[in-house]
Amino acid sequence: MTTSPNSPAGRRPDVPFLLAHPAHLVAFGFGTGLAPKAPGTVGTLLGLPLFWAITAAAPDLPNRIVLVVAAFLFGIWACARAGRALGVADHGGIVWDEIVAFALVLLFTPPGWLWIALAFALFRLFDILKPWPIRLADARLKNGFGVMFDDLLAAGYAIAALKGLQWLV
């Protein structure tokens, strides 16, 4: 989704917008959401450094999940704030939802670059195609929670597919 000059806030995201409030900077993935093509895909790549930071900070899976939940909750606030400032609840440049969801997927991804690449592809596939109930959540849930929640569902699909493939291999 893009913002038109006629949006209620009349604002297009740019570097000054990102720097106007910390929530904007976070919601737009520290600038990755400004990518002219496929900002969600570009932003998703930041899930890898977030995953590395989480694994460095927390010794075990339960504590890592707590950190992802904290990033999710922080994202509800940041995405809602940025969306209100733009006048578009789920602007295409808001990518914190992809970042956090991909970090979650990586918590359940087997080690190795091939598995990470597959996790990335599966997450993007489910995030773009939005199979049931992702499309329903995307259509009905609004504001920060809605922005974050549909990607959480896409992460669930990606994790299930990864675990299925891991079982087959």
C-alpha atoms as a PDB file:
ATOM      1  CA  MET A   1       0.000   0.000   0.000  1.00  0.00           C
ATOM      2  CA  THR A   2       1.281   3.482  -0.730  1.00  0.00           C
ATOM      3  CA  THR A   3       0.441   6.868   0.586  1.00  0.00           C
ATOM      4  CA  SER A   4      -0.996   9.455  -1.738  1.00  0.00           C
ATOM      5  CA  PRO A   5      -0.525  13.185  -1.279  1.00  0.00           C
ATOM      6  CA  ASN A   6      -4.272  13.253  -0.552  1.00  0.00           C
ATOM      7  CA  SER A   7      -4.044  10.916   2.443  1.00  0.00           C
ATOM      8  CA  PRO A   8      -5.500  12.368   5.643  1.00  0.00           C
ATOM      9  CA  ALA A   9      -2.035  13.199   6.942  1.00  0.00           C
ATOM     10  CA  GLY A  10      -0.912  14.281   3.459  1.00  0.00           C
ATOM     11  CA  ARG A  11       2.503  12.862   4.190  1.00  0.00           C
ATOM     12  CA  ARG A  12       4.810  10.616   2.205  1.00  0.00           C
ATOM     13  CA  PRO A  13       7.427   8.777   4.246  1.00  0.00           C
ATOM     14  CA  ASP A  14      10.954  10.060   3.779  1.00  0.00           C
ATOM     15  CA  VAL A  15      14.107  10.417   5.869  1.00  0.00           C
ATOM     16  CA  PRO A  16      12.803  13.491   7.771  1.00  0.00           C
ATOM     17  CA  PHE A  17       9.640  11.513   8.574  1.00  0.00           C
ATOM     18  CA  LEU A  18      11.748   8.630   9.933  1.00  0.00           C
ATOM     19  CA  LEU A  19      13.761  10.978  12.104  1.00  0.00           C
ATOM     20  CA  ALA A  20      10.703  12.856  13.396  1.00  0.00           C
ATOM     21  CA  HIS A  21       9.933  10.157  15.978  1.00  0.00           C
ATOM     22  CA  PRO A  22      11.672   6.950  17.135  1.00  0.00           C
ATOM     23  CA  ALA A  23       8.513   4.952  16.387  1.00  0.00           C
ATOM     24  CA  HIS A  24       8.715   5.960  12.723  1.00  0.00           C
ATOM     25  CA  LEU A  25      12.327   4.828  12.502  1.00  0.00           C
ATOM     26  CA  VAL A  26      11.508   1.448  14.059  1.00  0.00           C
ATOM     27  CA  ALA A  27       8.273   0.899  12.108  1.00  0.00           C
ATOM     28  CA  PHE A  28      10.080   1.628   8.841  1.00  0.00           C
ATOM     29  CA  GLY A  29      12.849  -0.820   9.700  1.00  0.00           C
ATOM     30  CA  PHE A  30      15.517   1.841  10.197  1.00  0.00           C
ATOM     31  CA  GLY A  31      14.966   3.012   6.624  1.00  0.00           C
ATOM     32  CA  THR A  32      14.502  -0.308   4.819  1.00  0.00           C
ATOM     33  CA  GLY A  33      10.794   0.450   4.482  1.00  0.00           C
ATOM     34  CA  LEU A  34      11.706   3.354   2.183  1.00  0.00           C
ATOM     35  CA  ALA A  35      12.997   0.914  -0.467  1.00  0.00           C
ATOM     36  CA  PRO A  36      11.357   1.865  -3.780  1.00  0.00           C
ATOM     37  CA  LYS A  37      10.632  -1.771  -4.678  1.00  0.00           C
ATOM     38  CA  ALA A  38       9.477  -4.571  -2.361  1.00  0.00           C
ATOM     39  CA  PRO A  39      10.022  -2.806   0.983  1.00  0.00           C
ATOM     40  CA  GLY A  40       8.508  -5.771   2.849  1.00  0.00           C
ATOM     41  CA  THR A  41      11.073  -8.118   1.349  1.00  0.00           C
ATOM     42  CA  VAL A  42      13.938  -5.695   1.992  1.00  0.00           C
ATOM     43  CA  GLY A  43      12.733  -5.128   5.554  1.00  0.00           C
ATOM     44  CA  THR A  44      12.397  -8.846   6.207  1.00  0.00           C
ATOM     45  CA  LEU A  45      16.157  -9.155   5.791  1.00  0.00           C
ATOM     46  CA  LEU A  46      16.574  -7.193   9.057  1.00  0.00           C
ATOM     47  CA  GLY A  47      14.965 -10.127  10.821  1.00  0.00           C
ATOM     48  CA  LEU A  48      18.312 -11.907  10.590  1.00  0.00           C
ATOM     49  CA  PRO A  49      20.313  -9.338  12.634  1.00  0.00           C
ATOM     50  CA  LEU A  50      17.389  -9.123  15.085  1.00  0.00           C
ATOM     51  CA  PHE A  51      17.512 -12.917  15.421  1.00  0.00           C
ATOM     52  CA  TRP A  52      21.272 -12.776  16.026  1.00  0.00           C
ATOM     53  CA  ALA A  53      20.796 -10.097  18.689  1.00  0.00           C
ATOM     54  CA  ILE A  54      18.085 -12.146  20.389  1.00  0.00           C
ATOM     55  CA  THR A  55      20.149 -15.323  20.388  1.00  0.00           C
ATOM     56  CA  ALA A  56      23.147 -13.407  21.774  1.00  0.00           C
ATOM     57  CA  ALA A  57      21.015 -11.871  24.535  1.00  0.00           C
ATOM     58  CA  ALA A  58      19.059 -14.958  25.598  1.00  0.00           C
ATOM     59  CA  PRO A  59      20.572 -18.373  26.315  1.00  0.00           C
ATOM     60  CA  ASP A  60      17.532 -20.556  25.650  1.00  0.00           C
ATOM     61  CA  LEU A  61      14.367 -20.760  23.549  1.00  0.00           C
ATOM     62  CA  PRO A  62      11.867 -19.637  26.237  1.00  0.00           C
ATOM     63  CA  ASN A  63      13.857 -16.449  26.898  1.00  0.00           C
ATOM     64  CA  ARG A  64      14.283 -15.846  23.176  1.00  0.00           C
ATOM     65  CA  ILE A  65      10.527 -16.134  22.709  1.00  0.00           C
ATOM     66  CA  VAL A  66      10.043 -13.573  25.488  1.00  0.00           C
ATOM     67  CA  LEU A  67      12.286 -11.162  23.565  1.00  0.00           C
ATOM     68  CA  VAL A  68      10.345 -11.746  20.341  1.00  0.00           C
ATOM     69  CA  VAL A  69       7.080 -11.122  22.226  1.00  0.00           C
ATOM     70  CA  ALA A  70       8.575  -7.881  23.572  1.00  0.00           C
ATOM     71  CA  ALA A  71       9.571  -6.851  20.025  1.00  0.00           C
ATOM     72  CA  PHE A  72       6.036  -7.725  18.863  1.00  0.00           C
ATOM     73  CA  LEU A  73       4.420  -5.616  21.597  1.00  0.00           C
ATOM     74  CA  PHE A  74       6.807  -2.736  20.923  1.00  0.00           C
ATOM     75  CA  GLY A  75       5.889  -3.067  17.241  1.00  0.00           C
ATOM     76  CA  ILE A  76       2.176  -2.658  17.978  1.00  0.00           C
ATOM     77  CA  TRP A  77       2.936   0.772  19.417  1.00  0.00           C
ATOM     78  CA  ALA A  78       5.532   1.799  16.799  1.00  0.00           C
ATOM     79  CA  CYS A  79       3.464   0.693  13.796  1.00  0.00           C
ATOM     80  CA  ALA A  80       0.306   2.329  15.141  1.00  0.00           C
ATOM     81  CA  ARG A  81       2.162   5.583  15.760  1.00  0.00           C
ATOM     82  CA  ALA A  82       3.743   5.626  12.284  1.00  0.00           C
ATOM     83  CA  GLY A  83       0.464   4.651  10.632  1.00  0.00           C
ATOM     84  CA  ARG A  84      -1.420   7.464  12.390  1.00  0.00           C
ATOM     85  CA  ALA A  85       1.250   9.965  11.374  1.00  0.00           C
ATOM     86  CA  LEU A  86       0.869   8.916   7.734  1.00  0.00           C
ATOM     87  CA  GLY A  87      -2.894   8.532   7.805  1.00  0.00           C
ATOM     88  CA  VAL A  88      -2.538   4.930   6.554  1.00  0.00           C
ATOM     89  CA  ALA A  89      -2.819   2.185   9.177  1.00  0.00           C
ATOM     90  CA  ASP A  90      -0.822  -0.421   7.237  1.00  0.00           C
ATOM     91  CA  HIS A  91       1.447   1.561   4.941  1.00  0.00           C
ATOM     92  CA  GLY A  92       3.591  -0.673   2.721  1.00  0.00           C
ATOM     93  CA  GLY A  93       6.758   0.875   4.127  1.00  0.00           C
ATOM     94  CA  ILE A  94       5.953  -0.234   7.661  1.00  0.00           C
ATOM     95  CA  VAL A  95       8.153  -3.325   7.900  1.00  0.00           C
ATOM     96  CA  TRP A  96       8.756  -3.913  11.623  1.00  0.00           C
ATOM     97  CA  ASP A  97       6.040  -6.579  11.409  1.00  0.00           C
ATOM     98  CA  GLU A  98       8.054  -8.536   8.828  1.00  0.00           C
ATOM     99  CA  ILE A  99      11.277  -8.081  10.785  1.00  0.00           C
ATOM    100  CA  VAL A 100       9.869  -9.472  14.038  1.00  0.00           C
ATOM    101  CA  ALA A 101       7.933 -12.269  12.350  1.00  0.00           C
ATOM    102  CA  PHE A 102      10.988 -13.432  10.404  1.00  0.00           C
ATOM    103  CA  ALA A 103      13.083 -13.383  13.596  1.00  0.00           C
ATOM    104  CA  LEU A 104      10.427 -15.671  15.109  1.00  0.00           C
ATOM    105  CA  VAL A 105      10.649 -18.024  12.122  1.00  0.00           C
ATOM    106  CA  LEU A 106      14.421 -18.150  12.525  1.00  0.00           C
ATOM    107  CA  LEU A 107      14.038 -19.313  16.136  1.00  0.00           C
ATOM    108  CA  PHE A 108      12.584 -22.543  14.730  1.00  0.00           C
ATOM    109  CA  THR A 109      14.786 -22.846  11.646  1.00  0.00           C
ATOM    110  CA  PRO A 110      17.484 -25.529  11.544  1.00  0.00           C
ATOM    111  CA  PRO A 111      21.039 -24.163  11.342  1.00  0.00           C
ATOM    112  CA  GLY A 112      22.600 -23.478   7.952  1.00  0.00           C
ATOM    113  CA  TRP A 113      22.291 -20.886   5.201  1.00  0.00           C
ATOM    114  CA  LEU A 114      20.150 -23.149   3.015  1.00  0.00           C
ATOM    115  CA  TRP A 115      17.562 -23.481   5.781  1.00  0.00           C
ATOM    116  CA  ILE A 116      17.693 -19.707   6.433  1.00  0.00           C
ATOM    117  CA  ALA A 117      17.135 -18.990   2.728  1.00  0.00           C
ATOM    118  CA  LEU A 118      14.246 -21.460   2.677  1.00  0.00           C
ATOM    119  CA  ALA A 119      12.770 -19.883   5.817  1.00  0.00           C
ATOM    120  CA  PHE A 120      12.997 -16.459   4.162  1.00  0.00           C
ATOM    121  CA  ALA A 121      11.315 -17.703   0.973  1.00  0.00           C
ATOM    122  CA  LEU A 122       8.535 -19.497   2.854  1.00  0.00           C
ATOM    123  CA  PHE A 123       7.834 -16.534   5.120  1.00  0.00           C
ATOM    124  CA  ARG A 124       7.668 -14.109   2.172  1.00  0.00           C
ATOM    125  CA  LEU A 125       5.461 -16.549   0.238  1.00  0.00           C
ATOM    126  CA  PHE A 126       2.917 -16.810   3.055  1.00  0.00           C
ATOM    127  CA  ASP A 127       3.099 -13.077   3.792  1.00  0.00           C
ATOM    128  CA  ILE A 128       2.415 -12.218   0.139  1.00  0.00           C
ATOM    129  CA  LEU A 129      -0.187 -14.914  -0.663  1.00  0.00           C
ATOM    130  CA  LYS A 130      -1.975 -14.521   2.681  1.00  0.00           C
ATOM    131  CA  PRO A 131      -3.758 -17.899   2.868  1.00  0.00           C
ATOM    132  CA  TRP A 132      -6.681 -18.253   5.287  1.00  0.00           C
ATOM    133  CA  PRO A 133      -6.840 -16.884   7.990  1.00  0.00           C
ATOM    134  CA  ILE A 134      -4.042 -14.404   7.216  1.00  0.00           C
ATOM    135  CA  ARG A 135      -6.101 -12.551   4.585  1.00  0.00           C
ATOM    136  CA  LEU A 136      -9.059 -12.392   6.977  1.00  0.00           C
ATOM    137  CA  ALA A 137      -6.897 -10.976   9.773  1.00  0.00           C
ATOM    138  CA  ASP A 138      -5.303  -8.502   7.356  1.00  0.00           C
ATOM    139  CA  ALA A 139      -8.729  -7.270   6.253  1.00  0.00           C
ATOM    140  CA  ARG A 140     -10.400  -7.082   9.659  1.00  0.00           C
ATOM    141  CA  LEU A 141      -7.722  -6.167  12.175  1.00  0.00           C
ATOM    142  CA  LYS A 142      -6.477  -2.607  12.032  1.00  0.00           C
ATOM    143  CA  ASN A 143      -3.955  -0.334  13.681  1.00  0.00           C
ATOM    144  CA  GLY A 144      -0.736  -1.579  15.238  1.00  0.00           C
ATOM    145  CA  PHE A 145      -2.072  -4.949  16.354  1.00  0.00           C
ATOM    146  CA  GLY A 146      -3.505  -5.726  12.921  1.00  0.00           C
ATOM    147  CA  VAL A 147      -0.257  -4.724  11.219  1.00  0.00           C
ATOM    148  CA  MET A 148       1.736  -7.065  13.465  1.00  0.00           C
ATOM    149  CA  PHE A 149      -0.726  -9.963  13.745  1.00  0.00           C
ATOM    150  CA  ASP A 150      -1.089 -11.013  10.094  1.00  0.00           C
ATOM    151  CA  ASP A 151       2.695 -11.416   9.857  1.00  0.00           C
ATOM    152  CA  LEU A 152       2.649 -13.496  13.022  1.00  0.00           C
ATOM    153  CA  LEU A 153       0.226 -15.838  11.250  1.00  0.00           C
ATOM    154  CA  ALA A 154       2.491 -15.942   8.166  1.00  0.00           C
ATOM    155  CA  ALA A 155       5.362 -16.845  10.510  1.00  0.00           C
ATOM    156  CA  GLY A 156       3.266 -19.713  11.887  1.00  0.00           C
ATOM    157  CA  TYR A 157       2.696 -21.072   8.382  1.00  0.00           C
ATOM    158  CA  ALA A 158       6.401 -20.754   7.560  1.00  0.00           C
ATOM    159  CA  ILE A 159       7.410 -22.532  10.781  1.00  0.00           C
ATOM    160  CA  ALA A 160       4.950 -25.365  10.106  1.00  0.00           C
ATOM    161  CA  ALA A 161       6.235 -25.764   6.544  1.00  0.00           C
ATOM    162  CA  LEU A 162       9.863 -25.744   7.737  1.00  0.00           C
ATOM    163  CA  LYS A 163       9.162 -28.350  10.390  1.00  0.00           C
ATOM    164  CA  GLY A 164       7.373 -30.494   7.815  1.00  0.00           C
ATOM    165  CA  LEU A 165      10.313 -30.255   5.439  1.00  0.00           C
ATOM    166  CA  GLN A 166      12.750 -30.928   8.258  1.00  0.00           C
ATOM    167  CA  TRP A 167      10.789 -34.072   9.117  1.00  0.00           C
ATOM    168  CA  LEU A 168      10.899 -35.211   5.472  1.00  0.00           C
ATOM    169  CA  VAL A 169      14.647 -34.635   5.248  1.00  0.00           C
END
